[in-house]
Each structure stands twice: as structure tokens, then as C-alpha cells.
C-alpha atoms as a PDB file:
ATOM      1  CA  UNK A   1      -6.216 157.824 117.270  1.00  0.00           C
ATOM      2  CA  UNK A   2      -5.354 158.496 113.590  1.00  0.00           C
ATOM      3  CA  UNK A   3      -3.767 161.892 112.514  1.00  0.00           C
ATOM      4  CA  UNK A   4      -6.953 162.666 110.677  1.00  0.00           C
ATOM      5  CA  UNK A   5      -8.879 162.037 113.626  1.00  0.00           C
ATOM      6  CA  UNK A   6      -6.683 163.974 115.909  1.00  0.00           C
ATOM      7  CA  UNK A   7      -6.841 166.985 113.676  1.00  0.00           C
ATOM      8  CA  UNK A   8     -10.614 166.687 113.534  1.00  0.00           C
ATOM      9  CA  UNK A   9     -10.916 166.701 117.022  1.00  0.00           C
ATOM     10  CA  UNK A  10      -8.606 169.893 117.244  1.00  0.00           C
ATOM     11  CA  UNK A  11     -10.781 171.635 114.537  1.00  0.00           C
ATOM     12  CA  UNK A  12      -7.589 171.680 112.323  1.00  0.00           C
ATOM     13  CA  UNK A  13      -8.538 172.188 108.686  1.00  0.00           C
ATOM     14  CA  UNK A  14      -7.189 170.273 105.725  1.00  0.00           C
ATOM     15  CA  UNK A  15      -6.914 172.485 102.640  1.00  0.00           C
ATOM     16  CA  UNK A  16      -8.260 171.117  99.463  1.00  0.00           C
ATOM     17  CA  UNK A  17      -5.889 169.871  96.763  1.00  0.00           C
ATOM     18  CA  UNK A  18      -2.886 170.191  99.150  1.00  0.00           C
ATOM     19  CA  UNK A  19      -0.586 167.442 100.101  1.00  0.00           C
ATOM     20  CA  UNK A  20       0.919 169.952 102.715  1.00  0.00           C
ATOM     21  CA  UNK A  21      -1.038 172.417 104.645  1.00  0.00           C
ATOM     22  CA  UNK A  22       1.922 174.929 105.499  1.00  0.00           C
ATOM     23  CA  UNK A  23       5.059 176.172 104.386  1.00  0.00           C
ATOM     24  CA  UNK A  24       7.027 177.697 107.247  1.00  0.00           C
ATOM     25  CA  UNK A  25      10.017 179.896 106.183  1.00  0.00           C
ATOM     26  CA  UNK A  26      12.978 181.093 108.024  1.00  0.00           C
ATOM     27  CA  UNK A  27      15.310 183.809 106.701  1.00  0.00           C
ATOM     28  CA  UNK A  28      17.688 186.443 107.909  1.00  0.00           C
ATOM     29  CA  UNK A  29      20.322 188.471 106.307  1.00  0.00           C
ATOM     30  CA  UNK A  30      19.593 188.706 102.559  1.00  0.00           C
ATOM     31  CA  UNK A  31      16.298 187.309 103.198  1.00  0.00           C
ATOM     32  CA  UNK A  32      14.161 190.062 101.540  1.00  0.00           C
ATOM     33  CA  UNK A  33      15.795 189.162  98.022  1.00  0.00           C
ATOM     34  CA  UNK A  34      15.442 185.466  98.774  1.00  0.00           C
ATOM     35  CA  UNK A  35      11.792 185.684  99.919  1.00  0.00           C
ATOM     36  CA  UNK A  36      10.919 188.073  96.861  1.00  0.00           C
ATOM     37  CA  UNK A  37      12.342 185.261  94.586  1.00  0.00           C
ATOM     38  CA  UNK A  38      10.498 182.438  96.166  1.00  0.00           C
ATOM     39  CA  UNK A  39       6.994 184.201  96.768  1.00  0.00           C
ATOM     40  CA  UNK A  40       7.039 185.951  93.389  1.00  0.00           C
ATOM     41  CA  UNK A  41       7.459 182.782  91.453  1.00  0.00           C
ATOM     42  CA  UNK A  42       4.295 181.070  93.303  1.00  0.00           C
ATOM     43  CA  UNK A  43       1.243 180.629  91.441  1.00  0.00           C
ATOM     44  CA  UNK A  44      -1.815 182.833  93.125  1.00  0.00           C
ATOM     45  CA  UNK A  45      -3.957 179.625  93.543  1.00  0.00           C
ATOM     46  CA  UNK A  46      -1.147 178.103  95.663  1.00  0.00           C
ATOM     47  CA  UNK A  47      -3.117 175.801  97.939  1.00  0.00           C
ATOM     48  CA  UNK A  48      -0.988 175.785 101.118  1.00  0.00           C
ATOM     49  CA  UNK A  49      -0.647 178.564 103.785  1.00  0.00           C
ATOM     50  CA  UNK A  50       2.768 180.116 104.357  1.00  0.00           C
ATOM     51  CA  UNK A  51       4.271 181.516 107.740  1.00  0.00           C
ATOM     52  CA  UNK A  52       7.428 183.437 107.546  1.00  0.00           C
ATOM     53  CA  UNK A  53      10.075 184.399 110.293  1.00  0.00           C
ATOM     54  CA  UNK A  54      12.552 187.125 108.760  1.00  0.00           C
ATOM     55  CA  UNK A  55      14.801 188.565 111.416  1.00  0.00           C
ATOM     56  CA  UNK A  56      14.218 192.390 111.869  1.00  0.00           C
ATOM     57  CA  UNK A  57      15.383 194.993 114.246  1.00  0.00           C
ATOM     58  CA  UNK A  58      12.744 195.686 116.809  1.00  0.00           C
ATOM     59  CA  UNK A  59      13.165 199.338 116.711  1.00  0.00           C
ATOM     60  CA  UNK A  60      11.585 200.181 113.440  1.00  0.00           C
ATOM     61  CA  UNK A  61       8.210 199.212 111.994  1.00  0.00           C
ATOM     62  CA  UNK A  62       8.388 196.749 109.163  1.00  0.00           C
ATOM     63  CA  UNK A  63       7.567 197.397 105.549  1.00  0.00           C
ATOM     64  CA  UNK A  64       8.296 193.579 104.670  1.00  0.00           C
ATOM     65  CA  UNK A  65       4.687 192.781 104.042  1.00  0.00           C
ATOM     66  CA  UNK A  66       3.993 195.759 101.739  1.00  0.00           C
ATOM     67  CA  UNK A  67       7.150 195.293  99.894  1.00  0.00           C
ATOM     68  CA  UNK A  68       6.549 191.351  99.147  1.00  0.00           C
ATOM     69  CA  UNK A  69       2.797 192.282  98.340  1.00  0.00           C
ATOM     70  CA  UNK A  70       3.989 194.531  95.472  1.00  0.00           C
ATOM     71  CA  UNK A  71       6.187 191.706  93.906  1.00  0.00           C
ATOM     72  CA  UNK A  72       3.987 188.491  94.480  1.00  0.00           C
ATOM     73  CA  UNK A  73       0.736 187.039  93.056  1.00  0.00           C
ATOM     74  CA  UNK A  74      -0.248 185.557  96.482  1.00  0.00           C
ATOM     75  CA  UNK A  75      -1.318 187.820  99.276  1.00  0.00           C
ATOM     76  CA  UNK A  76       1.269 188.779 101.976  1.00  0.00           C
ATOM     77  CA  UNK A  77       0.276 190.342 105.204  1.00  0.00           C
ATOM     78  CA  UNK A  78       1.889 190.980 108.723  1.00  0.00           C
ATOM     79  CA  UNK A  79       0.542 188.193 110.925  1.00  0.00           C
ATOM     80  CA  UNK A  80      -1.897 189.365 113.594  1.00  0.00           C
ATOM     81  CA  UNK A  81      -3.093 187.597 116.725  1.00  0.00           C
ATOM     82  CA  UNK A  82      -5.974 185.212 115.776  1.00  0.00           C
ATOM     83  CA  UNK A  83      -5.444 184.910 112.047  1.00  0.00           C
ATOM     84  CA  UNK A  84      -6.646 181.742 110.684  1.00  0.00           C
ATOM     85  CA  UNK A  85      -4.179 180.157 108.298  1.00  0.00           C
ATOM     86  CA  UNK A  86      -5.617 180.418 104.673  1.00  0.00           C
ATOM     87  CA  UNK A  87      -4.213 178.849 101.494  1.00  0.00           C
ATOM     88  CA  UNK A  88      -2.371 181.240  99.152  1.00  0.00           C
ATOM     89  CA  UNK A  89      -1.727 183.786 102.134  1.00  0.00           C
ATOM     90  CA  UNK A  90       1.830 184.430 103.529  1.00  0.00           C
ATOM     91  CA  UNK A  91       1.940 185.729 106.979  1.00  0.00           C
ATOM     92  CA  UNK A  92       4.980 187.435 108.243  1.00  0.00           C
ATOM     93  CA  UNK A  93       6.044 187.715 112.050  1.00  0.00           C
ATOM     94  CA  UNK A  94       5.970 191.223 113.094  1.00  0.00           C
ATOM     95  CA  UNK A  95       8.962 192.780 114.683  1.00  0.00           C
ATOM     96  CA  UNK A  96       9.746 191.804 118.141  1.00  0.00           C
ATOM     97  CA  UNK A  97       7.118 188.963 118.220  1.00  0.00           C
ATOM     98  CA  UNK A  98       7.516 185.429 118.135  1.00  0.00           C
ATOM     99  CA  UNK A  99       4.982 183.871 115.672  1.00  0.00           C
ATOM    100  CA  UNK A 100       3.353 180.413 116.568  1.00  0.00           C
ATOM    101  CA  UNK A 101       0.745 178.156 114.994  1.00  0.00           C
ATOM    102  CA  UNK A 102      -2.021 176.952 117.337  1.00  0.00           C
ATOM    103  CA  UNK A 103      -3.702 173.583 117.351  1.00  0.00           C
ATOM    104  CA  UNK A 104      -6.768 175.053 115.564  1.00  0.00           C
ATOM    105  CA  UNK A 105      -4.892 176.380 112.700  1.00  0.00           C
ATOM    106  CA  UNK A 106      -4.799 179.993 114.143  1.00  0.00           C
ATOM    107  CA  UNK A 107      -1.912 182.320 114.907  1.00  0.00           C
ATOM    108  CA  UNK A 108      -0.466 183.656 118.112  1.00  0.00           C
ATOM    109  CA  UNK A 109       1.974 186.224 118.583  1.00  0.00           C
ATOM    110  CA  UNK A 110       4.389 186.387 121.822  1.00  0.00           C
ATOM    111  CA  UNK A 111       6.763 188.424 123.511  1.00  0.00           C
ATOM    112  CA  UNK A 112       8.145 185.566 125.372  1.00  0.00           C
ATOM    113  CA  UNK A 113      11.784 185.151 125.966  1.00  0.00           C
ATOM    114  CA  UNK A 114      14.084 185.442 122.964  1.00  0.00           C
ATOM    115  CA  UNK A 115      15.579 182.710 121.584  1.00  0.00           C
ATOM    116  CA  UNK A 116      19.284 182.752 120.758  1.00  0.00           C
ATOM    117  CA  UNK A 117      18.834 186.418 121.340  1.00  0.00           C
ATOM    118  CA  UNK A 118      16.191 186.588 118.450  1.00  0.00           C
ATOM    119  CA  UNK A 119      12.574 187.429 118.657  1.00  0.00           C
ATOM    120  CA  UNK A 120      11.015 186.396 116.405  1.00  0.00           C
ATOM    121  CA  UNK A 121      12.737 183.047 116.130  1.00  0.00           C
ATOM    122  CA  UNK A 122      12.360 180.446 113.313  1.00  0.00           C
ATOM    123  CA  UNK A 123      12.954 177.829 116.024  1.00  0.00           C
ATOM    124  CA  UNK A 124       9.730 178.862 117.788  1.00  0.00           C
ATOM    125  CA  UNK A 125       7.792 179.030 114.630  1.00  0.00           C
ATOM    126  CA  UNK A 126       9.013 175.606 113.484  1.00  0.00           C
ATOM    127  CA  UNK A 127       8.349 173.760 116.635  1.00  0.00           C
ATOM    128  CA  UNK A 128       4.637 175.034 116.558  1.00  0.00           C
ATOM    129  CA  UNK A 129       4.242 174.035 112.917  1.00  0.00           C
ATOM    130  CA  UNK A 130       5.566 170.565 113.699  1.00  0.00           C
ATOM    131  CA  UNK A 131       3.474 170.061 116.692  1.00  0.00           C
ATOM    132  CA  UNK A 132       0.091 171.266 114.758  1.00  0.00           C
ATOM    133  CA  UNK A 133       0.602 169.897 111.218  1.00  0.00           C
ATOM    134  CA  UNK A 134       3.003 166.946 111.743  1.00  0.00           C
ATOM    135  CA  UNK A 135       3.677 165.377 108.455  1.00  0.00           C
ATOM    136  CA  UNK A 136       1.584 168.052 106.558  1.00  0.00           C
ATOM    137  CA  UNK A 137       4.281 170.860 107.271  1.00  0.00           C
ATOM    138  CA  UNK A 138       7.068 171.970 105.134  1.00  0.00           C
ATOM    139  CA  UNK A 139       9.908 173.803 106.747  1.00  0.00           C
ATOM    140  CA  UNK A 140      12.219 176.251 104.452  1.00  0.00           C
ATOM    141  CA  UNK A 141      15.435 177.611 105.506  1.00  0.00           C
ATOM    142  CA  UNK A 142      16.920 180.536 103.437  1.00  0.00           C
ATOM    143  CA  UNK A 143      19.984 182.902 103.694  1.00  0.00           C
ATOM    144  CA  UNK A 144      21.056 184.088 107.167  1.00  0.00           C
ATOM    145  CA  UNK A 145      23.455 184.275 109.808  1.00  0.00           C
ATOM    146  CA  UNK A 146      23.471 182.232 112.852  1.00  0.00           C
ATOM    147  CA  UNK A 147      21.821 178.839 113.415  1.00  0.00           C
ATOM    148  CA  UNK A 148      18.283 179.937 114.068  1.00  0.00           C
ATOM    149  CA  UNK A 149      15.934 177.334 112.561  1.00  0.00           C
ATOM    150  CA  UNK A 150      18.197 174.102 112.953  1.00  0.00           C
ATOM    151  CA  UNK A 151      16.272 172.932 116.131  1.00  0.00           C
ATOM    152  CA  UNK A 152      12.954 173.484 114.407  1.00  0.00           C
ATOM    153  CA  UNK A 153      14.244 171.691 111.335  1.00  0.00           C
ATOM    154  CA  UNK A 154      14.706 168.704 113.610  1.00  0.00           C
ATOM    155  CA  UNK A 155      11.124 169.027 115.139  1.00  0.00           C
ATOM    156  CA  UNK A 156       9.513 169.384 111.766  1.00  0.00           C
ATOM    157  CA  UNK A 157      11.375 166.332 110.567  1.00  0.00           C
ATOM    158  CA  UNK A 158      10.686 164.145 113.564  1.00  0.00           C
ATOM    159  CA  UNK A 159       6.902 164.699 113.109  1.00  0.00           C
ATOM    160  CA  UNK A 160       7.241 163.536 109.361  1.00  0.00           C
ATOM    161  CA  UNK A 161       7.417 166.942 107.499  1.00  0.00           C
ATOM    162  CA  UNK A 162       9.581 167.897 104.791  1.00  0.00           C
ATOM    163  CA  UNK A 163      12.741 170.054 104.894  1.00  0.00           C
ATOM    164  CA  UNK A 164      14.065 172.285 102.138  1.00  0.00           C
ATOM    165  CA  UNK A 165      17.218 174.343 102.540  1.00  0.00           C
ATOM    166  CA  UNK A 166      18.773 176.837 100.331  1.00  0.00           C
ATOM    167  CA  UNK A 167      21.957 175.819  98.955  1.00  0.00           C
ATOM    168  CA  UNK A 168      24.740 177.842 100.233  1.00  0.00           C
ATOM    169  CA  UNK A 169      26.223 178.448  97.069  1.00  0.00           C
ATOM    170  CA  UNK A 170      23.156 180.651  96.224  1.00  0.00           C
ATOM    171  CA  UNK A 171      22.803 182.154  99.666  1.00  0.00           C
ATOM    172  CA  UNK A 172      24.037 185.600 100.364  1.00  0.00           C
ATOM    173  CA  UNK A 173      24.811 184.279 103.972  1.00  0.00           C
ATOM    174  CA  UNK A 174      25.480 180.797 104.635  1.00  0.00           C
ATOM    175  CA  UNK A 175      25.141 180.377 108.318  1.00  0.00           C
ATOM    176  CA  UNK A 176      21.462 179.367 108.815  1.00  0.00           C
ATOM    177  CA  UNK A 177      21.214 177.104 105.661  1.00  0.00           C
ATOM    178  CA  UNK A 178      24.622 175.512 106.768  1.00  0.00           C
ATOM    179  CA  UNK A 179      23.223 174.960 110.537  1.00  0.00           C
ATOM    180  CA  UNK A 180      20.148 173.305 109.026  1.00  0.00           C
ATOM    181  CA  UNK A 181      22.167 171.174 106.645  1.00  0.00           C
ATOM    182  CA  UNK A 182      24.441 169.977 109.333  1.00  0.00           C
ATOM    183  CA  UNK A 183      21.230 168.474 111.412  1.00  0.00           C
ATOM    184  CA  UNK A 184      20.995 165.856 108.915  1.00  0.00           C
ATOM    185  CA  UNK A 185      17.332 166.166 108.721  1.00  0.00           C
ATOM    186  CA  UNK A 186      17.157 168.043 105.288  1.00  0.00           C
ATOM    187  CA  UNK A 187      15.213 166.263 102.206  1.00  0.00           C
ATOM    188  CA  UNK A 188      16.220 168.800  99.406  1.00  0.00           C
ATOM    189  CA  UNK A 189      19.181 171.535  99.024  1.00  0.00           C
ATOM    190  CA  UNK A 190      18.183 173.555  96.287  1.00  0.00           C
ATOM    191  CA  UNK A 191      19.395 176.762  94.545  1.00  0.00           C
ATOM    192  CA  UNK A 192      17.130 179.642  95.141  1.00  0.00           C
ATOM    193  CA  UNK A 193      15.550 179.645  91.707  1.00  0.00           C
ATOM    194  CA  UNK A 194      14.453 176.044  92.119  1.00  0.00           C
ATOM    195  CA  UNK A 195      12.599 176.386  95.478  1.00  0.00           C
ATOM    196  CA  UNK A 196       9.399 177.561  94.235  1.00  0.00           C
ATOM    197  CA  UNK A 197       8.553 175.038  91.620  1.00  0.00           C
ATOM    198  CA  UNK A 198       9.560 172.475  94.094  1.00  0.00           C
ATOM    199  CA  UNK A 199       7.046 173.793  96.675  1.00  0.00           C
ATOM    200  CA  UNK A 200       4.359 173.680  93.867  1.00  0.00           C
ATOM    201  CA  UNK A 201       5.171 169.920  93.194  1.00  0.00           C
ATOM    202  CA  UNK A 202       5.125 169.053  96.692  1.00  0.00           C
ATOM    203  CA  UNK A 203       1.930 170.975  97.774  1.00  0.00           C
ATOM    204  CA  UNK A 204      -0.093 170.838  94.416  1.00  0.00           C
ATOM    205  CA  UNK A 205       1.313 167.937  92.768  1.00  0.00           C
ATOM    206  CA  UNK A 206       2.160 169.630  89.652  1.00  0.00           C
ATOM    207  CA  UNK A 207       4.915 171.958  87.913  1.00  0.00           C
ATOM    208  CA  UNK A 208       3.765 175.457  87.223  1.00  0.00           C
END
């Protein structure tokens, strides 16, 4: 079965004018500043969906979506159970919930076991994205401590997707980018100010 036929069987939509359907982003310490830089310089007509895991303390409600919405032209929202991935919308995992992409392009939230003591975990998101979108997925690892995302990077790359990692020289915390780079599965290592333009070129085939 071809990938197109498989996706049709699973009712997985391809987005118009997009070479990739989803950008999955992992961030931890220093992530708010990095996410603002990346998302605020994407065009409002960006043709892929975006799913974000930002490590947050579970004890407080998150204002990440509201903060990012005020700084970006695209729509940013807290992910909810059953959301259908839509181009130009960024979905942020809520505190204490894993974020997963289902085979039909919808989102699920889970309180299943923490991964590396983390919930949400980038590895969980990345692995679900790899299984669903295969070579139409981009994984992006930004600043953060620890190694979350490294296993997920391998999963996305194994299925033919593209991996971008923030250059550690421009990362406030180098743990997550370094761990991703050490997997040997990274396609682009970029300074923070070059990431969004690269995403536009990859997804939309043009500069912005």
C-alpha cells in the first residue's frame, strides 16, 4: 500500500500547498523566548499544523498559549482532546498531559506514565507524529535541559521526516539540542533566527 493510499484509508488529510503537514516542536528551559522568536516570524498563511511540547510545572495553569498568541500572526491555542490539526494553528500541550497525534489527524491528551519524569514529553509527541505523518513530518528541538526529544527524533527520522535542531550556541540551555544532535539523525542545525525561514522554505517551498 502506498503512503497516499494508507493515509486515505486512515482519513488523514494532506494539507494544500504543503510539502509537510506538521511541525512538532520540543522546548524546555528558555523555551518561551525561543518559541516567540520562531512563531512570531512565521507567516499567517503557514500551510502546516504545529504541535508543541513545552515543559511546564504541573501545579500552575499555563498562560503559554495566551502569551504566544499576542506575539504571533498564526493562531496559538492550548490543545484539547479531539482537536483536528489545521494548517496555521499551533497547539500547545497543557500542563501534566502528554500530547499525541492520532492516525486521523486529531489530537489526544493523556495522563499516562511520565517519560524521563516528564509529562508532557516531547518523545511521546514525536513518536506519535512519526507514526501518523511519516515523511510529511518535521521535528524541531529548541533550548532545554535534559534529553527529552532525542528518542522521538530517531522515530521521525526513521519514518523519513526532517529534523531541525537549534544551534547550541544560540540556545539558552544546550541539553536538549545537544542530545538530539548526538543521535546523528539531524538534518539542520540552525541559529534561532534562521529556523522560521527554513520552516517556510521546507513547508511552503518559498522564502518569506
